[in-house]
Amino acid sequence: MLIRRHTPESEDHGIDLAPMLDFVLNLLIFFLITTSFVKETGVTVTRAEAMLVEHRDTGNLLVAVRENGDIWIDRRRVDLRELRAIIERLHVERPDDTAVIVADKTAPAGVVARVMDQIQSVGIKDISLAATPLGGR
């Protein structure tokens, strides 16, 4: 009688990287999606301080007015004459927009008023001015 011995073939079992790659890819997609919701004006301004500051999470359209009167939207400088067309294009894409004007405390009031006029002329009625709470709280 012939007895056969079952000897396992020498298989090299490595670590399966597919689940780890799936996990890393899901993390990457998650971070890409969440960072796209962060809105910035593209410039740093010194906001005015106010006593009655209300924090809002809304404000889809951010317009910055610097101390020299420069107007910034989406990290690029725009001219007052082209502001309405840009806001109109953005408002068509998102009709429920609200606007926040982030003006420097030394920005010319006339420029801020003209920016508000341009935003209202497109049909956006909810316009806010960004301010820092008094005492920096």
N, C-alpha and C. Protein backbone atom coordinates (compact mmCIF):
# COMPACT_ATOMS: atom_id res chain seq x y z
N MET A 1 0.83 -1.16 0.00
CA MET A 1 0.00 0.00 0.00
C MET A 1 0.89 1.24 0.00
N LEU A 2 0.54 2.13 -0.87
CA LEU A 2 1.32 3.34 -1.03
C LEU A 2 0.66 4.47 -0.26
N ILE A 3 1.40 5.08 0.61
CA ILE A 3 0.86 6.18 1.43
C ILE A 3 1.37 7.50 0.83
N ARG A 4 0.42 8.33 0.57
CA ARG A 4 0.80 9.65 0.03
C ARG A 4 0.77 10.67 1.15
N ARG A 5 1.74 11.42 1.18
CA ARG A 5 1.77 12.52 2.14
C ARG A 5 1.37 13.80 1.44
N HIS A 6 0.50 14.48 2.10
CA HIS A 6 0.05 15.77 1.53
C HIS A 6 0.99 16.87 2.03
N THR A 7 1.80 17.34 1.16
CA THR A 7 2.70 18.43 1.53
C THR A 7 2.18 19.71 0.89
N PRO A 8 1.98 20.72 1.71
CA PRO A 8 1.49 21.98 1.12
C PRO A 8 2.53 22.56 0.18
N GLU A 9 1.99 23.01 -0.93
CA GLU A 9 2.89 23.64 -1.87
C GLU A 9 3.37 24.95 -1.28
N SER A 10 4.52 25.31 -1.63
CA SER A 10 5.07 26.54 -1.05
C SER A 10 4.44 27.74 -1.73
N GLU A 11 3.39 28.24 -1.10
CA GLU A 11 2.73 29.44 -1.60
C GLU A 11 3.16 30.60 -0.74
N ASP A 12 3.50 31.66 -1.37
CA ASP A 12 3.90 32.86 -0.62
C ASP A 12 2.66 33.72 -0.39
N HIS A 13 2.18 33.70 0.82
CA HIS A 13 1.01 34.50 1.16
C HIS A 13 1.49 35.86 1.64
N GLY A 14 1.26 36.88 0.85
CA GLY A 14 1.62 38.23 1.24
C GLY A 14 0.43 38.94 1.85
N ILE A 15 0.62 40.16 2.19
CA ILE A 15 -0.46 40.97 2.76
C ILE A 15 -1.29 41.52 1.61
N ASP A 16 -2.60 41.36 1.73
CA ASP A 16 -3.51 41.87 0.71
C ASP A 16 -3.70 43.37 0.94
N LEU A 17 -3.25 44.17 0.01
CA LEU A 17 -3.29 45.63 0.14
C LEU A 17 -4.57 46.25 -0.41
N ALA A 18 -5.40 45.49 -1.04
CA ALA A 18 -6.61 46.04 -1.66
C ALA A 18 -7.54 46.72 -0.66
N PRO A 19 -7.84 46.11 0.51
CA PRO A 19 -8.72 46.82 1.45
C PRO A 19 -8.10 48.12 1.98
N MET A 20 -6.80 48.11 2.19
CA MET A 20 -6.15 49.33 2.67
C MET A 20 -6.20 50.43 1.60
N LEU A 21 -5.99 50.06 0.36
CA LEU A 21 -6.05 51.05 -0.72
C LEU A 21 -7.46 51.60 -0.87
N ASP A 22 -8.46 50.74 -0.71
CA ASP A 22 -9.85 51.21 -0.75
C ASP A 22 -10.11 52.23 0.36
N PHE A 23 -9.63 51.93 1.54
CA PHE A 23 -9.83 52.82 2.69
C PHE A 23 -9.14 54.16 2.47
N VAL A 24 -7.91 54.13 2.00
CA VAL A 24 -7.17 55.37 1.75
C VAL A 24 -7.84 56.18 0.65
N LEU A 25 -8.32 55.52 -0.37
CA LEU A 25 -9.01 56.22 -1.45
C LEU A 25 -10.29 56.86 -0.95
N ASN A 26 -11.04 56.16 -0.10
CA ASN A 26 -12.25 56.75 0.49
C ASN A 26 -11.93 57.95 1.36
N LEU A 27 -10.86 57.89 2.13
CA LEU A 27 -10.44 59.04 2.93
C LEU A 27 -10.08 60.23 2.04
N LEU A 28 -9.36 59.97 0.99
CA LEU A 28 -8.98 61.03 0.06
C LEU A 28 -10.20 61.70 -0.55
N ILE A 29 -11.16 60.92 -0.98
CA ILE A 29 -12.39 61.48 -1.54
C ILE A 29 -13.14 62.29 -0.50
N PHE A 30 -13.22 61.78 0.72
CA PHE A 30 -13.90 62.51 1.80
C PHE A 30 -13.25 63.86 2.05
N PHE A 31 -11.93 63.90 2.14
CA PHE A 31 -11.26 65.17 2.40
C PHE A 31 -11.38 66.14 1.23
N LEU A 32 -11.37 65.63 0.01
CA LEU A 32 -11.55 66.51 -1.14
C LEU A 32 -12.93 67.14 -1.15
N ILE A 33 -13.94 66.36 -0.80
CA ILE A 33 -15.31 66.88 -0.80
C ILE A 33 -15.50 67.90 0.32
N THR A 34 -15.00 67.61 1.50
CA THR A 34 -15.22 68.53 2.63
C THR A 34 -14.42 69.81 2.49
N THR A 35 -13.26 69.77 1.89
CA THR A 35 -12.49 71.01 1.76
C THR A 35 -13.04 71.90 0.66
N SER A 36 -13.83 71.38 -0.24
CA SER A 36 -14.39 72.24 -1.29
C SER A 36 -15.49 73.15 -0.74
N PHE A 37 -16.01 72.88 0.46
CA PHE A 37 -17.04 73.71 1.04
C PHE A 37 -16.48 74.90 1.81
N VAL A 38 -15.19 74.98 2.00
CA VAL A 38 -14.60 76.10 2.72
C VAL A 38 -14.55 77.29 1.77
N LYS A 39 -15.19 78.37 2.19
CA LYS A 39 -15.23 79.56 1.36
C LYS A 39 -14.29 80.62 1.94
N GLU A 40 -13.53 81.24 1.08
CA GLU A 40 -12.65 82.32 1.48
C GLU A 40 -12.72 83.40 0.42
N THR A 41 -12.41 84.61 0.86
CA THR A 41 -12.42 85.71 -0.09
C THR A 41 -11.11 85.81 -0.85
N GLY A 42 -10.05 85.31 -0.29
CA GLY A 42 -8.77 85.34 -0.97
C GLY A 42 -7.83 86.40 -0.47
N VAL A 43 -8.29 87.29 0.37
CA VAL A 43 -7.43 88.33 0.93
C VAL A 43 -7.71 88.44 2.42
N THR A 44 -6.75 89.03 3.12
CA THR A 44 -6.92 89.25 4.55
C THR A 44 -7.32 90.69 4.78
N VAL A 45 -8.39 90.88 5.52
CA VAL A 45 -8.85 92.22 5.85
C VAL A 45 -8.99 92.33 7.36
N THR A 46 -8.87 93.56 7.86
CA THR A 46 -9.10 93.82 9.27
C THR A 46 -10.55 94.26 9.41
N ARG A 47 -11.36 93.39 9.97
CA ARG A 47 -12.79 93.69 10.09
C ARG A 47 -13.04 94.70 11.19
N ALA A 48 -14.11 95.43 11.02
CA ALA A 48 -14.53 96.37 12.05
C ALA A 48 -15.09 95.59 13.23
N GLU A 49 -15.01 96.17 14.42
CA GLU A 49 -15.57 95.54 15.61
C GLU A 49 -16.96 96.10 15.87
N ALA A 50 -17.85 95.24 16.35
CA ALA A 50 -19.22 95.66 16.64
C ALA A 50 -19.70 94.95 17.90
N MET A 51 -20.62 95.59 18.61
CA MET A 51 -21.15 94.99 19.84
C MET A 51 -22.15 93.88 19.53
N LEU A 52 -23.02 94.10 18.58
CA LEU A 52 -24.09 93.15 18.28
C LEU A 52 -23.73 92.32 17.05
N VAL A 53 -22.78 91.41 17.22
CA VAL A 53 -22.36 90.54 16.13
C VAL A 53 -23.08 89.22 16.26
N GLU A 54 -23.64 88.77 15.15
CA GLU A 54 -24.36 87.50 15.13
C GLU A 54 -23.63 86.55 14.20
N HIS A 55 -23.31 85.36 14.69
CA HIS A 55 -22.63 84.36 13.88
C HIS A 55 -23.64 83.63 13.00
N ARG A 56 -23.35 83.57 11.71
CA ARG A 56 -24.19 82.84 10.77
C ARG A 56 -23.33 81.86 10.01
N ASP A 57 -23.89 80.69 9.79
CA ASP A 57 -23.18 79.70 8.99
C ASP A 57 -23.50 79.85 7.51
N THR A 58 -24.48 80.70 7.20
CA THR A 58 -24.83 80.90 5.80
C THR A 58 -23.96 81.99 5.21
N GLY A 59 -24.09 82.19 3.97
CA GLY A 59 -23.31 83.20 3.26
C GLY A 59 -22.51 82.52 2.17
N ASN A 60 -23.18 82.21 1.09
CA ASN A 60 -22.54 81.46 0.02
C ASN A 60 -21.58 82.33 -0.79
N LEU A 61 -21.90 83.59 -0.93
CA LEU A 61 -21.14 84.47 -1.78
C LEU A 61 -20.37 85.47 -0.91
N LEU A 62 -19.06 85.35 -0.90
CA LEU A 62 -18.22 86.25 -0.11
C LEU A 62 -17.53 87.25 -1.03
N VAL A 63 -17.67 88.53 -0.69
CA VAL A 63 -17.04 89.61 -1.44
C VAL A 63 -16.20 90.40 -0.46
N ALA A 64 -14.92 90.54 -0.74
CA ALA A 64 -14.02 91.29 0.15
C ALA A 64 -13.73 92.66 -0.45
N VAL A 65 -13.68 93.65 0.43
CA VAL A 65 -13.29 95.00 0.02
C VAL A 65 -12.10 95.38 0.88
N ARG A 66 -10.96 95.61 0.25
CA ARG A 66 -9.73 95.92 0.98
C ARG A 66 -9.69 97.40 1.34
N GLU A 67 -8.70 97.77 2.13
CA GLU A 67 -8.58 99.15 2.61
C GLU A 67 -8.36 100.15 1.48
N ASN A 68 -7.80 99.71 0.36
CA ASN A 68 -7.58 100.62 -0.77
C ASN A 68 -8.74 100.60 -1.77
N GLY A 69 -9.81 99.84 -1.47
CA GLY A 69 -10.98 99.80 -2.34
C GLY A 69 -10.99 98.66 -3.34
N ASP A 70 -9.95 97.81 -3.30
CA ASP A 70 -9.92 96.65 -4.19
C ASP A 70 -11.02 95.67 -3.80
N ILE A 71 -11.65 95.07 -4.80
CA ILE A 71 -12.72 94.11 -4.58
C ILE A 71 -12.21 92.73 -4.98
N TRP A 72 -12.44 91.75 -4.09
CA TRP A 72 -11.97 90.39 -4.32
C TRP A 72 -13.12 89.40 -4.20
N ILE A 73 -13.19 88.45 -5.12
CA ILE A 73 -14.14 87.33 -5.07
C ILE A 73 -13.38 86.08 -5.48
N ASP A 74 -13.53 85.03 -4.71
CA ASP A 74 -12.91 83.73 -5.02
C ASP A 74 -11.42 83.85 -5.33
N ARG A 75 -10.72 84.55 -4.47
CA ARG A 75 -9.27 84.70 -4.54
C ARG A 75 -8.76 85.40 -5.79
N ARG A 76 -9.60 86.21 -6.37
CA ARG A 76 -9.11 87.02 -7.50
C ARG A 76 -9.72 88.41 -7.43
N ARG A 77 -8.92 89.36 -7.85
CA ARG A 77 -9.33 90.76 -7.83
C ARG A 77 -10.24 91.03 -9.01
N VAL A 78 -11.35 91.73 -8.74
CA VAL A 78 -12.29 92.06 -9.80
C VAL A 78 -12.52 93.57 -9.79
N ASP A 79 -12.90 94.08 -10.93
CA ASP A 79 -13.23 95.49 -11.07
C ASP A 79 -14.71 95.68 -10.73
N LEU A 80 -15.06 96.85 -10.26
CA LEU A 80 -16.45 97.14 -9.91
C LEU A 80 -17.37 97.00 -11.11
N ARG A 81 -16.86 97.29 -12.32
CA ARG A 81 -17.68 97.20 -13.52
C ARG A 81 -18.01 95.76 -13.89
N GLU A 82 -17.14 94.81 -13.54
CA GLU A 82 -17.42 93.41 -13.86
C GLU A 82 -18.03 92.65 -12.69
N LEU A 83 -18.23 93.31 -11.56
CA LEU A 83 -18.75 92.66 -10.37
C LEU A 83 -20.16 92.12 -10.59
N ARG A 84 -21.01 92.90 -11.20
CA ARG A 84 -22.40 92.48 -11.40
C ARG A 84 -22.48 91.22 -12.25
N ALA A 85 -21.70 91.16 -13.33
CA ALA A 85 -21.73 89.99 -14.22
C ALA A 85 -21.25 88.74 -13.48
N ILE A 86 -20.23 88.88 -12.65
CA ILE A 86 -19.71 87.72 -11.90
C ILE A 86 -20.75 87.24 -10.89
N ILE A 87 -21.35 88.19 -10.17
CA ILE A 87 -22.34 87.82 -9.16
C ILE A 87 -23.58 87.22 -9.83
N GLU A 88 -23.96 87.76 -10.98
CA GLU A 88 -25.11 87.24 -11.71
C GLU A 88 -24.86 85.80 -12.15
N ARG A 89 -23.66 85.52 -12.63
CA ARG A 89 -23.31 84.16 -13.05
C ARG A 89 -23.35 83.20 -11.86
N LEU A 90 -22.80 83.63 -10.72
CA LEU A 90 -22.82 82.78 -9.53
C LEU A 90 -24.23 82.60 -8.99
N HIS A 91 -25.05 83.63 -9.11
CA HIS A 91 -26.42 83.56 -8.59
C HIS A 91 -27.29 82.64 -9.44
N VAL A 92 -27.03 82.56 -10.72
CA VAL A 92 -27.78 81.65 -11.59
C VAL A 92 -27.47 80.21 -11.22
N GLU A 93 -26.20 79.93 -10.88
CA GLU A 93 -25.81 78.58 -10.49
C GLU A 93 -26.44 78.18 -9.16
N ARG A 94 -26.56 79.14 -8.23
CA ARG A 94 -27.13 78.87 -6.89
C ARG A 94 -28.14 79.97 -6.57
N PRO A 95 -29.41 79.78 -6.91
CA PRO A 95 -30.40 80.85 -6.75
C PRO A 95 -30.75 81.20 -5.31
N ASP A 96 -30.46 80.35 -4.34
CA ASP A 96 -30.78 80.64 -2.95
C ASP A 96 -29.61 81.28 -2.21
N ASP A 97 -28.74 81.95 -2.93
CA ASP A 97 -27.55 82.53 -2.33
C ASP A 97 -27.86 83.65 -1.35
N THR A 98 -26.98 83.79 -0.39
CA THR A 98 -26.91 84.97 0.45
C THR A 98 -25.51 85.53 0.26
N ALA A 99 -25.33 86.79 0.55
CA ALA A 99 -24.03 87.42 0.33
C ALA A 99 -23.49 87.99 1.63
N VAL A 100 -22.18 87.91 1.77
CA VAL A 100 -21.49 88.51 2.91
C VAL A 100 -20.39 89.40 2.35
N ILE A 101 -20.42 90.64 2.75
CA ILE A 101 -19.37 91.58 2.35
C ILE A 101 -18.38 91.65 3.50
N VAL A 102 -17.15 91.24 3.23
CA VAL A 102 -16.08 91.26 4.21
C VAL A 102 -15.24 92.49 3.89
N ALA A 103 -15.58 93.60 4.54
CA ALA A 103 -14.92 94.87 4.24
C ALA A 103 -13.90 95.22 5.33
N ASP A 104 -12.78 95.75 4.92
CA ASP A 104 -11.80 96.24 5.87
C ASP A 104 -12.39 97.44 6.60
N LYS A 105 -11.97 97.64 7.85
CA LYS A 105 -12.57 98.73 8.63
C LYS A 105 -12.19 100.10 8.09
N THR A 106 -11.15 100.17 7.27
CA THR A 106 -10.78 101.45 6.67
C THR A 106 -11.14 101.51 5.19
N ALA A 107 -11.94 100.57 4.72
CA ALA A 107 -12.35 100.56 3.32
C ALA A 107 -13.28 101.74 3.05
N PRO A 108 -13.19 102.32 1.86
CA PRO A 108 -14.08 103.44 1.53
C PRO A 108 -15.55 103.02 1.56
N ALA A 109 -16.35 103.78 2.27
CA ALA A 109 -17.77 103.46 2.41
C ALA A 109 -18.48 103.50 1.07
N GLY A 110 -18.04 104.35 0.18
CA GLY A 110 -18.65 104.44 -1.14
C GLY A 110 -18.48 103.16 -1.94
N VAL A 111 -17.31 102.54 -1.84
CA VAL A 111 -17.07 101.29 -2.56
C VAL A 111 -17.94 100.18 -1.97
N VAL A 112 -18.04 100.13 -0.64
CA VAL A 112 -18.87 99.12 0.01
C VAL A 112 -20.33 99.30 -0.40
N ALA A 113 -20.80 100.54 -0.47
CA ALA A 113 -22.18 100.81 -0.87
C ALA A 113 -22.41 100.40 -2.32
N ARG A 114 -21.43 100.66 -3.20
CA ARG A 114 -21.59 100.25 -4.61
C ARG A 114 -21.59 98.73 -4.75
N VAL A 115 -20.78 98.05 -3.94
CA VAL A 115 -20.78 96.58 -3.96
C VAL A 115 -22.15 96.07 -3.52
N MET A 116 -22.71 96.66 -2.48
CA MET A 116 -24.05 96.27 -2.02
C MET A 116 -25.08 96.50 -3.11
N ASP A 117 -24.99 97.63 -3.81
CA ASP A 117 -25.92 97.91 -4.90
C ASP A 117 -25.83 96.87 -6.01
N GLN A 118 -24.59 96.48 -6.36
CA GLN A 118 -24.41 95.50 -7.42
C GLN A 118 -24.99 94.14 -7.02
N ILE A 119 -24.81 93.78 -5.75
CA ILE A 119 -25.35 92.50 -5.28
C ILE A 119 -26.87 92.53 -5.28
N GLN A 120 -27.46 93.64 -4.81
CA GLN A 120 -28.92 93.74 -4.77
C GLN A 120 -29.53 93.80 -6.17
N SER A 121 -28.81 94.39 -7.12
CA SER A 121 -29.36 94.49 -8.48
C SER A 121 -29.49 93.14 -9.16
N VAL A 122 -28.75 92.15 -8.70
CA VAL A 122 -28.84 90.80 -9.25
C VAL A 122 -30.05 90.07 -8.70
N GLY A 123 -30.52 90.47 -7.53
CA GLY A 123 -31.68 89.83 -6.93
C GLY A 123 -31.41 89.19 -5.59
N ILE A 124 -30.20 89.31 -5.08
CA ILE A 124 -29.88 88.77 -3.76
C ILE A 124 -30.30 89.81 -2.73
N LYS A 125 -31.23 89.43 -1.88
CA LYS A 125 -31.76 90.38 -0.89
C LYS A 125 -31.11 90.24 0.47
N ASP A 126 -30.56 89.06 0.79
CA ASP A 126 -29.95 88.82 2.10
C ASP A 126 -28.46 89.12 2.02
N ILE A 127 -28.09 90.34 2.43
CA ILE A 127 -26.70 90.78 2.39
C ILE A 127 -26.27 91.11 3.81
N SER A 128 -25.11 90.60 4.20
CA SER A 128 -24.58 90.85 5.54
C SER A 128 -23.21 91.49 5.43
N LEU A 129 -22.85 92.23 6.47
CA LEU A 129 -21.50 92.78 6.59
C LEU A 129 -20.78 91.99 7.67
N ALA A 130 -19.59 91.51 7.37
CA ALA A 130 -18.82 90.74 8.34
C ALA A 130 -18.17 91.69 9.33
N ALA A 131 -18.19 91.30 10.61
CA ALA A 131 -17.58 92.10 11.67
C ALA A 131 -17.00 91.16 12.71
N THR A 132 -16.08 91.69 13.49
CA THR A 132 -15.49 90.95 14.61
C THR A 132 -16.19 91.38 15.88
N PRO A 133 -16.49 90.45 16.78
CA PRO A 133 -17.12 90.85 18.04
C PRO A 133 -16.24 91.83 18.81
N LEU A 134 -16.86 92.76 19.49
CA LEU A 134 -16.13 93.77 20.27
C LEU A 134 -15.30 93.07 21.32
N GLY A 135 -14.04 93.35 21.36
CA GLY A 135 -13.13 92.70 22.31
C GLY A 135 -12.52 91.43 21.75
N GLY A 136 -12.82 91.09 20.49
CA GLY A 136 -12.23 89.93 19.83
C GLY A 136 -12.72 88.59 20.34
N ARG A 137 -13.90 88.52 20.95
CA ARG A 137 -14.40 87.25 21.48
C ARG A 137 -14.80 86.31 20.41
